C-alpha atoms as a PDB file:
ATOM      1  CA  MET A   1     104.263  99.109 112.586  1.00  0.00           C
ATOM      2  CA  LEU A   2     105.734  99.332 108.858  1.00  0.00           C
ATOM      3  CA  ILE A   3     109.011 100.235 107.675  1.00  0.00           C
ATOM      4  CA  GLY A   4     109.752 100.699 104.292  1.00  0.00           C
ATOM      5  CA  ARG A   5     113.110 101.338 103.375  1.00  0.00           C
ATOM      6  CA  ASP A   6     113.655 103.411  99.956  1.00  0.00           C
ATOM      7  CA  GLY A   7     116.496 102.062  97.403  1.00  0.00           C
ATOM      8  CA  THR A   8     119.833 103.263  97.587  1.00  0.00           C
ATOM      9  CA  ASP A   9     120.359 103.766  93.837  1.00  0.00           C
ATOM     10  CA  GLU A  10     120.186 107.041  91.802  1.00  0.00           C
ATOM     11  CA  GLY A  11     116.733 107.668  91.158  1.00  0.00           C
ATOM     12  CA  ALA A  12     115.432 106.929  94.485  1.00  0.00           C
ATOM     13  CA  LEU A  13     114.979 110.024  95.978  1.00  0.00           C
ATOM     14  CA  GLU A  14     113.365 111.012  92.179  1.00  0.00           C
ATOM     15  CA  ARG A  15     110.527 107.754  92.795  1.00  0.00           C
ATOM     16  CA  ARG A  16     110.165 109.065  96.074  1.00  0.00           C
ATOM     17  CA  LEU A  17     109.187 112.682  95.104  1.00  0.00           C
ATOM     18  CA  ALA A  18     107.404 111.551  91.787  1.00  0.00           C
ATOM     19  CA  VAL A  19     104.586 109.462  93.807  1.00  0.00           C
ATOM     20  CA  ARG A  20     104.874 111.524  97.397  1.00  0.00           C
ATOM     21  CA  ASP A  21     101.635 113.879  96.612  1.00  0.00           C
ATOM     22  CA  ALA A  22      99.298 110.366  96.008  1.00  0.00           C
ATOM     23  CA  HIS A  23     101.234 108.837  98.354  1.00  0.00           C
ATOM     24  CA  ILE A  24     100.009 111.864 101.008  1.00  0.00           C
ATOM     25  CA  ALA A  25      96.678 111.218  99.629  1.00  0.00           C
ATOM     26  CA  LEU A  26      96.208 108.213 100.858  1.00  0.00           C
ATOM     27  CA  GLY A  27      97.616 108.508 104.169  1.00  0.00           C
ATOM     28  CA  ASP A  28      95.325 111.720 104.702  1.00  0.00           C
ATOM     29  CA  THR A  29      92.149 109.348 103.761  1.00  0.00           C
ATOM     30  CA  LEU A  30      94.007 106.559 105.819  1.00  0.00           C
ATOM     31  CA  VAL A  31      94.226 108.397 109.118  1.00  0.00           C
ATOM     32  CA  THR A  32      90.303 110.106 108.589  1.00  0.00           C
ATOM     33  CA  GLU A  33      89.327 106.672 108.772  1.00  0.00           C
ATOM     34  CA  GLY A  34      91.746 105.498 111.708  1.00  0.00           C
ATOM     35  CA  LYS A  35      94.051 103.241 110.098  1.00  0.00           C
ATOM     36  CA  MET A  36      96.949 105.487 110.580  1.00  0.00           C
ATOM     37  CA  LEU A  37      98.049 106.657 113.567  1.00  0.00           C
ATOM     38  CA  PHE A  38     101.647 107.925 113.155  1.00  0.00           C
ATOM     39  CA  GLY A  39     104.078 107.907 109.770  1.00  0.00           C
ATOM     40  CA  THR A  40     107.313 109.615 109.393  1.00  0.00           C
ATOM     41  CA  ALA A  41     110.134 109.879 106.881  1.00  0.00           C
ATOM     42  CA  LEU A  42     113.038 108.466 108.139  1.00  0.00           C
ATOM     43  CA  LEU A  43     116.559 110.648 107.154  1.00  0.00           C
ATOM     44  CA  ASP A  44     120.214 110.342 106.616  1.00  0.00           C
ATOM     45  CA  GLU A  45     122.878 112.444 108.170  1.00  0.00           C
ATOM     46  CA  ASN A  46     121.700 114.756 105.445  1.00  0.00           C
ATOM     47  CA  ASP A  47     118.119 115.210 106.474  1.00  0.00           C
ATOM     48  CA  ARG A  48     117.412 113.171 102.722  1.00  0.00           C
ATOM     49  CA  MET A  49     114.146 110.820 102.899  1.00  0.00           C
ATOM     50  CA  ILE A  50     115.571 107.298 102.527  1.00  0.00           C
ATOM     51  CA  GLY A  51     112.084 105.720 104.403  1.00  0.00           C
ATOM     52  CA  SER A  52     109.111 105.413 105.813  1.00  0.00           C
ATOM     53  CA  MET A  53     107.734 104.415 109.598  1.00  0.00           C
ATOM     54  CA  LEU A  54     103.924 103.862 109.752  1.00  0.00           C
ATOM     55  CA  VAL A  55     101.762 103.337 113.286  1.00  0.00           C
ATOM     56  CA  LEU A  56      98.649 101.456 111.301  1.00  0.00           C
ATOM     57  CA  ASP A  57      95.844  99.693 112.875  1.00  0.00           C
ATOM     58  CA  TYR A  58      94.535  97.069 110.573  1.00  0.00           C
ATOM     59  CA  PRO A  59      92.005  94.166 111.880  1.00  0.00           C
ATOM     60  CA  SER A  60      94.131  91.484 109.876  1.00  0.00           C
ATOM     61  CA  ARG A  61      97.582  91.138 107.988  1.00  0.00           C
ATOM     62  CA  ALA A  62      94.718  90.464 105.141  1.00  0.00           C
ATOM     63  CA  GLU A  63      93.788  93.808 104.921  1.00  0.00           C
ATOM     64  CA  LEU A  64      97.127  95.467 105.549  1.00  0.00           C
ATOM     65  CA  ASP A  65      98.115  93.763 102.873  1.00  0.00           C
ATOM     66  CA  GLN A  66      95.464  95.526 100.228  1.00  0.00           C
ATOM     67  CA  TRP A  67      96.416  98.734 101.584  1.00  0.00           C
ATOM     68  CA  LEU A  68      99.851  97.817 100.246  1.00  0.00           C
ATOM     69  CA  ALA A  69      98.620  96.606  97.007  1.00  0.00           C
ATOM     70  CA  VAL A  70      97.916 100.130  96.149  1.00  0.00           C
ATOM     71  CA  GLU A  71      99.673 102.002  98.307  1.00  0.00           C
ATOM     72  CA  PRO A  72     102.570 104.663  96.059  1.00  0.00           C
ATOM     73  CA  TYR A  73     105.414 104.012  97.631  1.00  0.00           C
ATOM     74  CA  ALA A  74     105.068 100.109  97.539  1.00  0.00           C
ATOM     75  CA  VAL A  75     103.519  99.874  94.067  1.00  0.00           C
ATOM     76  CA  SER A  76     106.189 102.232  92.195  1.00  0.00           C
ATOM     77  CA  GLY A  77     109.856 101.079  93.262  1.00  0.00           C
ATOM     78  CA  VAL A  78     109.956 103.233  96.672  1.00  0.00           C
ATOM     79  CA  TRP A  79     110.108 100.985  98.717  1.00  0.00           C
ATOM     80  CA  GLU A  80     112.490  98.081  97.954  1.00  0.00           C
ATOM     81  CA  ASP A  81     112.578  96.867 101.584  1.00  0.00           C
ATOM     82  CA  ILE A  82     109.245  96.362 104.010  1.00  0.00           C
ATOM     83  CA  THR A  83     108.970  95.003 107.110  1.00  0.00           C
ATOM     84  CA  VAL A  84     105.653  95.030 108.751  1.00  0.00           C
ATOM     85  CA  THR A  85     105.833  94.343 112.478  1.00  0.00           C
ATOM     86  CA  PRO A  86     102.876  93.825 115.307  1.00  0.00           C
ATOM     87  CA  VAL A  87     103.321  96.483 118.330  1.00  0.00           C
ATOM     88  CA  ARG A  88     100.195  97.717 120.686  1.00  0.00           C
ATOM     89  CA  VAL A  89      99.852 101.816 120.928  1.00  0.00           C
ATOM     90  CA  GLY A  90     100.739 102.464 124.432  1.00  0.00           C
ATOM     91  CA  PRO A  91      97.636 103.631 127.098  1.00  0.00           C
ATOM     92  CA  SER A  92      99.157 107.342 126.978  1.00  0.00           C
ATOM     93  CA  PHE A  93      98.186 107.164 122.999  1.00  0.00           C
ATOM     94  CA  VAL A  94      95.291 105.279 123.008  1.00  0.00           C
ATOM     95  CA  GLY A  95      91.869 107.632 122.348  1.00  0.00           C
ATOM     96  CA  LEU A  96      93.836 110.441 119.944  1.00  0.00           C
ATOM     97  CA  HIS A  97      93.097 109.344 116.748  1.00  0.00           C
ATOM     98  CA  LYS A  98      89.206 108.514 117.674  1.00  0.00           C
END
């Protein structure tokens, strides 16, 4: 699971919106390939996007890092803090993305 927190400066939302279409297009490709199982924007109390949470399925951290090297939010300074935590998809959800 990846949590990417956006910057908090005045230009943070504009940076996100500038590359959002490219982020979503790459995400659609990853969904088709079975590498992204779920994704959502993190919101503040005013429903403003302040980050992302993604459930990803990569066989290794090295392969995930290869994706991060081209992920628009990662390379364009949208995500200023990225945390990756290993998780296991629960049995109720296994097979939903096959």
